[in-house]
Amino acid sequence: MLPDFFRGILRKLSPSKAPVDLDEQARQAFEAYNVVGHLLYDYGNSAVLARVVEAQAQPVCIRLAVVLDLDECLVHTQYSSVNYDYPDVMHVALSDEEILTVNKRPGVDAFLSTLAANFDVYLFTSADEGYANPIVDMLDPCAKIFKKRYYYDDCVHENGLNMKDLKCIEMTQSLAHVVLIDNNPLSFLPQPSNAVPIPSFFDNMNDHALAIVLDLLLTLRHVADVRPCLDQVFHIDQVLQDIQIPTFLTEP
């Protein structure tokens, strides 16, 4: 099964039983997740999700809240002096001297449009507001997609890690109806059961992760609680325990 395979990869990347610095654990976790992140959507996970959703399905009227990361989730940013041939880019001026070239993940515009029509959408980035806002303004020029934006200062900062506590978001939904989409597994530490991991994006023109995530989100619209569904598919809490990074701040 995929969770066993995933944990095996993690153990190979972090084989030592001796305590190590938390920063090193974070690096290993990030590497491990990027190595096998794309596999999370293969090997029968769609069938697993369908079975769990069927068991949890209720005529739920609560609108799902979708919290999105920015960098390597929706876009990848680099300095414009870098020469490359990626076709779908935005040029963002942070100042007269600093101009960024932003690769848009394939399908991001349609993805955001569909999300806004079906869910309450929030941005939660670990980047500074001054950097993130010009990029998000180009993704959402009419300010109709994101209900609110959250930045570095809204993260939980502990032992050098920047984590995203969903309880800081001003929304009407309980955590039973919230998901966090992020490429960094350490963002999930406060609420691992609300996690929807996504492989990191840089410049792959054939990337189709957003379409897969959208299908998952549409499937979750009619469940009483997304957390047992996501636990059955992604096992994020168990993965973080296996690499000896404690989960905390978690809702009971």
Protein backbone atom coordinates (compact mmCIF):
# COMPACT_ATOMS: atom_id res chain seq x y z
CA MET A 1 0.00 0.00 0.00
CA LEU A 2 1.09 3.57 -0.63
CA PRO A 3 1.42 4.66 3.02
CA ASP A 4 3.83 1.78 3.69
CA PHE A 5 5.81 2.66 0.57
CA PHE A 6 5.86 6.32 1.60
CA ARG A 7 7.10 5.53 5.10
CA GLY A 8 9.78 3.26 3.66
CA ILE A 9 11.11 6.10 1.53
CA LEU A 10 11.10 8.42 4.53
CA ARG A 11 13.07 5.93 6.62
CA LYS A 12 15.67 5.59 3.86
CA LEU A 13 16.10 9.34 3.76
CA SER A 14 16.23 9.60 7.54
CA PRO A 15 17.62 6.26 8.76
CA SER A 16 19.24 7.36 11.99
CA LYS A 17 17.45 6.65 15.26
CA ALA A 18 19.64 9.20 17.06
CA PRO A 19 18.09 12.60 17.79
CA VAL A 20 18.95 15.20 15.16
CA ASP A 21 18.50 18.94 14.91
CA LEU A 22 14.93 19.95 14.08
CA ASP A 23 16.13 22.00 11.12
CA GLU A 24 17.74 18.86 9.69
CA GLN A 25 14.53 16.95 10.27
CA ALA A 26 12.67 19.66 8.42
CA ARG A 27 15.05 19.45 5.48
CA GLN A 28 14.73 15.67 5.33
CA ALA A 29 10.95 15.87 5.51
CA PHE A 30 10.84 18.38 2.69
CA GLU A 31 13.16 16.28 0.53
CA ALA A 32 11.19 13.13 1.22
CA TYR A 33 7.90 14.72 0.37
CA ASN A 34 9.19 16.12 -2.89
CA VAL A 35 10.67 12.74 -3.85
CA VAL A 36 7.39 10.88 -3.57
CA GLY A 37 4.79 13.64 -3.52
CA HIS A 38 3.49 12.85 -6.99
CA LEU A 39 2.86 9.25 -5.94
CA LEU A 40 0.23 10.38 -3.47
CA TYR A 41 -2.22 10.61 -6.34
CA ASP A 42 -1.50 7.17 -7.77
CA TYR A 43 -1.81 3.55 -6.70
CA GLY A 44 -5.53 3.50 -6.06
CA ASN A 45 -5.89 6.58 -3.87
CA SER A 46 -8.88 7.72 -5.90
CA ALA A 47 -10.65 4.47 -5.08
CA VAL A 48 -9.73 4.82 -1.40
CA LEU A 49 -11.13 8.34 -1.30
CA ALA A 50 -14.34 7.31 -3.06
CA ARG A 51 -15.00 4.59 -0.49
CA VAL A 52 -14.35 6.88 2.47
CA VAL A 53 -16.43 9.71 1.04
CA GLU A 54 -19.33 7.35 0.41
CA ALA A 55 -19.24 6.31 4.06
CA GLN A 56 -19.06 9.95 5.22
CA ALA A 57 -21.48 11.45 2.70
CA GLN A 58 -24.26 13.65 4.06
CA PRO A 59 -26.40 16.42 2.56
CA VAL A 60 -23.99 19.04 3.86
CA CYS A 61 -24.87 22.67 3.19
CA ILE A 62 -21.64 24.09 4.61
CA ARG A 63 -19.35 25.55 1.96
CA LEU A 64 -15.85 24.06 2.11
CA ALA A 65 -13.00 26.49 2.91
CA VAL A 66 -9.92 25.96 0.73
CA VAL A 67 -6.66 27.47 1.95
CA LEU A 68 -3.93 27.77 -0.70
CA ASP A 69 -0.19 28.17 -0.49
CA LEU A 70 1.49 30.37 -3.12
CA ASP A 71 5.10 29.52 -4.00
CA GLU A 72 5.66 26.15 -5.67
CA CYS A 73 1.94 25.52 -5.25
CA LEU A 74 0.34 28.02 -7.64
CA VAL A 75 3.46 29.65 -9.08
CA HIS A 76 7.25 29.52 -9.13
CA THR A 77 9.17 32.78 -8.94
CA GLN A 78 12.67 33.66 -10.13
CA TYR A 79 14.59 36.74 -11.16
CA SER A 80 13.82 37.85 -14.69
CA SER A 81 17.49 37.78 -15.63
CA VAL A 82 17.24 33.99 -15.72
CA ASN A 83 16.87 32.78 -19.30
CA TYR A 84 14.28 30.04 -19.82
CA ASP A 85 11.50 29.09 -22.19
CA TYR A 86 8.51 28.58 -19.91
CA PRO A 87 5.47 29.84 -21.86
CA ASP A 88 3.01 31.10 -19.20
CA VAL A 89 4.70 33.78 -17.14
CA MET A 90 3.94 37.01 -15.31
CA HIS A 91 6.45 39.81 -14.76
CA VAL A 92 6.08 41.39 -11.35
CA ALA A 93 7.91 44.56 -10.30
CA LEU A 94 8.65 44.65 -6.58
CA SER A 95 10.61 47.86 -7.17
CA ASP A 96 12.29 49.71 -10.05
CA GLU A 97 15.33 47.51 -9.58
CA GLU A 98 13.70 44.20 -8.67
CA ILE A 99 11.55 42.54 -11.31
CA LEU A 100 10.46 38.95 -10.86
CA THR A 101 9.43 36.43 -13.47
CA VAL A 102 6.64 34.20 -12.21
CA ASN A 103 5.89 30.83 -13.80
CA LYS A 104 2.19 30.07 -13.52
CA ARG A 105 1.38 26.45 -12.79
CA PRO A 106 -0.47 24.84 -15.72
CA GLY A 107 -4.19 25.34 -15.31
CA VAL A 108 -3.91 27.78 -12.42
CA ASP A 109 -6.34 30.36 -13.82
CA ALA A 110 -9.10 27.83 -14.46
CA PHE A 111 -8.36 26.18 -11.12
CA LEU A 112 -8.79 29.42 -9.18
CA SER A 113 -11.92 30.36 -11.12
CA THR A 114 -13.55 27.00 -10.35
CA LEU A 115 -12.53 27.20 -6.71
CA ALA A 116 -14.06 30.64 -6.32
CA ALA A 117 -17.35 29.38 -7.77
CA ASN A 118 -17.59 26.40 -5.43
CA PHE A 119 -15.62 27.15 -2.25
CA ASP A 120 -14.48 29.88 0.12
CA VAL A 121 -10.88 30.46 -0.94
CA TYR A 122 -8.07 31.88 1.21
CA LEU A 123 -4.39 32.50 0.56
CA PHE A 124 -1.88 31.48 3.24
CA THR A 125 1.76 31.98 2.27
CA SER A 126 4.89 31.93 4.41
CA ALA A 127 6.21 34.81 2.28
CA ASP A 128 6.14 38.47 3.24
CA GLU A 129 3.15 40.57 2.28
CA GLY A 130 5.24 42.95 0.16
CA TYR A 131 6.48 40.08 -1.98
CA ALA A 132 3.26 38.06 -2.18
CA ASN A 133 0.66 40.74 -2.86
CA PRO A 134 1.89 41.87 -6.31
CA ILE A 135 1.89 38.23 -7.46
CA VAL A 136 -1.55 37.49 -6.03
CA ASP A 137 -2.92 40.72 -7.50
CA MET A 138 -1.99 39.41 -10.95
CA LEU A 139 -3.59 36.02 -10.24
CA ASP A 140 -6.70 37.70 -8.85
CA PRO A 141 -6.87 41.11 -10.58
CA CYS A 142 -10.51 41.74 -9.67
CA ALA A 143 -10.04 40.59 -6.05
CA LYS A 144 -12.91 38.12 -6.41
CA ILE A 145 -11.11 34.83 -5.71
CA PHE A 146 -9.46 35.13 -2.29
CA LYS A 147 -11.67 36.11 0.62
CA LYS A 148 -8.59 37.03 2.64
CA ARG A 149 -4.81 36.71 2.47
CA TYR A 150 -2.45 35.53 5.19
CA TYR A 151 1.33 35.94 5.23
CA TYR A 152 4.58 35.21 7.05
CA ASP A 153 3.54 37.13 10.15
CA ASP A 154 0.43 34.94 10.44
CA CYS A 155 2.46 31.72 10.55
CA VAL A 156 3.46 29.93 13.74
CA HIS A 157 7.22 30.30 14.16
CA GLU A 158 8.81 27.54 16.22
CA ASN A 159 12.39 26.22 16.16
CA GLY A 160 13.04 27.87 12.81
CA LEU A 161 9.91 26.39 11.20
CA ASN A 162 7.08 28.38 9.65
CA MET A 163 3.83 26.50 10.20
CA LYS A 164 0.28 27.36 9.22
CA ASP A 165 -2.30 27.18 11.98
CA LEU A 166 -5.70 27.17 10.32
CA LYS A 167 -7.32 28.47 13.49
CA CYS A 168 -5.93 31.93 12.73
CA ILE A 169 -8.09 32.23 9.61
CA GLU A 170 -11.25 34.30 9.99
CA MET A 171 -13.95 32.03 8.60
CA THR A 172 -17.31 30.63 9.57
CA GLN A 173 -16.38 26.98 8.96
CA SER A 174 -15.09 24.64 11.63
CA LEU A 175 -12.00 22.57 10.86
CA ALA A 176 -14.33 19.79 9.73
CA HIS A 177 -14.84 21.81 6.54
CA VAL A 178 -11.36 23.24 5.86
CA VAL A 179 -8.46 21.98 3.75
CA LEU A 180 -4.93 23.35 3.38
CA ILE A 181 -3.21 22.78 0.03
CA ASP A 182 0.57 23.11 0.32
CA ASN A 183 3.74 21.60 -1.12
CA ASN A 184 5.62 21.84 2.19
CA PRO A 185 4.56 19.11 4.65
CA LEU A 186 5.81 21.16 7.60
CA SER A 187 3.02 23.66 6.99
CA PHE A 188 0.60 20.91 8.04
CA LEU A 189 2.01 20.39 11.53
CA PRO A 190 -0.73 22.24 13.45
CA GLN A 191 -3.57 20.34 11.71
CA PRO A 192 -2.23 17.38 9.70
CA SER A 193 -5.70 15.92 9.19
CA ASN A 194 -6.70 18.94 7.09
CA ALA A 195 -3.78 18.50 4.70
CA VAL A 196 -3.98 18.15 0.94
CA PRO A 197 -0.36 17.81 -0.20
CA ILE A 198 0.64 18.87 -3.68
CA PRO A 199 3.97 18.22 -5.44
CA SER A 200 6.23 21.25 -5.82
CA PHE A 201 5.99 23.12 -9.11
CA PHE A 202 8.89 24.86 -10.83
CA ASP A 203 8.66 24.82 -14.63
CA ASN A 204 7.07 21.55 -15.73
CA MET A 205 4.77 22.43 -18.62
CA ASN A 206 3.14 18.98 -18.35
CA ASP A 207 2.21 19.36 -14.68
CA HIS A 208 -1.42 18.38 -14.02
CA ALA A 209 -1.53 18.43 -10.21
CA LEU A 210 -4.11 21.23 -9.96
CA ALA A 211 -6.66 19.27 -11.97
CA ILE A 212 -6.19 16.27 -9.68
CA VAL A 213 -6.52 18.40 -6.55
CA LEU A 214 -9.66 20.02 -7.95
CA ASP A 215 -11.26 16.62 -8.49
CA LEU A 216 -10.44 15.73 -4.89
CA LEU A 217 -11.93 18.97 -3.56
CA LEU A 218 -15.13 18.55 -5.55
CA THR A 219 -15.43 15.03 -4.14
CA LEU A 220 -15.13 16.37 -0.58
CA ARG A 221 -17.92 18.93 -0.91
CA HIS A 222 -20.59 16.66 0.54
CA VAL A 223 -18.90 15.05 3.53
CA ALA A 224 -19.65 15.84 7.15
CA ASP A 225 -15.95 16.04 8.06
CA VAL A 226 -13.04 16.16 5.61
CA ARG A 227 -10.49 15.01 8.18
CA PRO A 228 -11.21 11.26 8.32
CA CYS A 229 -11.35 11.24 4.52
CA LEU A 230 -7.97 12.93 4.15
CA ASP A 231 -6.46 10.79 6.90
CA GLN A 232 -7.40 7.65 4.99
CA VAL A 233 -5.83 8.91 1.77
CA PHE A 234 -2.70 10.81 2.82
CA HIS A 235 -1.83 9.62 6.36
CA ILE A 236 0.00 12.91 7.01
CA ASP A 237 -0.10 12.58 10.80
CA GLN A 238 1.52 9.15 10.63
CA VAL A 239 4.13 10.32 8.14
CA LEU A 240 5.18 13.21 10.38
CA GLN A 241 5.40 10.86 13.36
CA ASP A 242 7.56 8.45 11.37
CA ILE A 243 10.16 11.13 10.75
CA GLN A 244 10.06 12.12 14.43
CA ILE A 245 8.57 15.56 13.92
CA PRO A 246 5.86 16.05 16.53
CA THR A 247 2.44 17.33 15.58
CA PHE A 248 1.05 19.93 17.91
CA LEU A 249 -1.59 22.63 18.22
CA THR A 250 -3.89 19.99 16.75
CA GLU A 251 -7.62 20.27 17.24
CA PRO A 252 -9.05 17.27 19.14
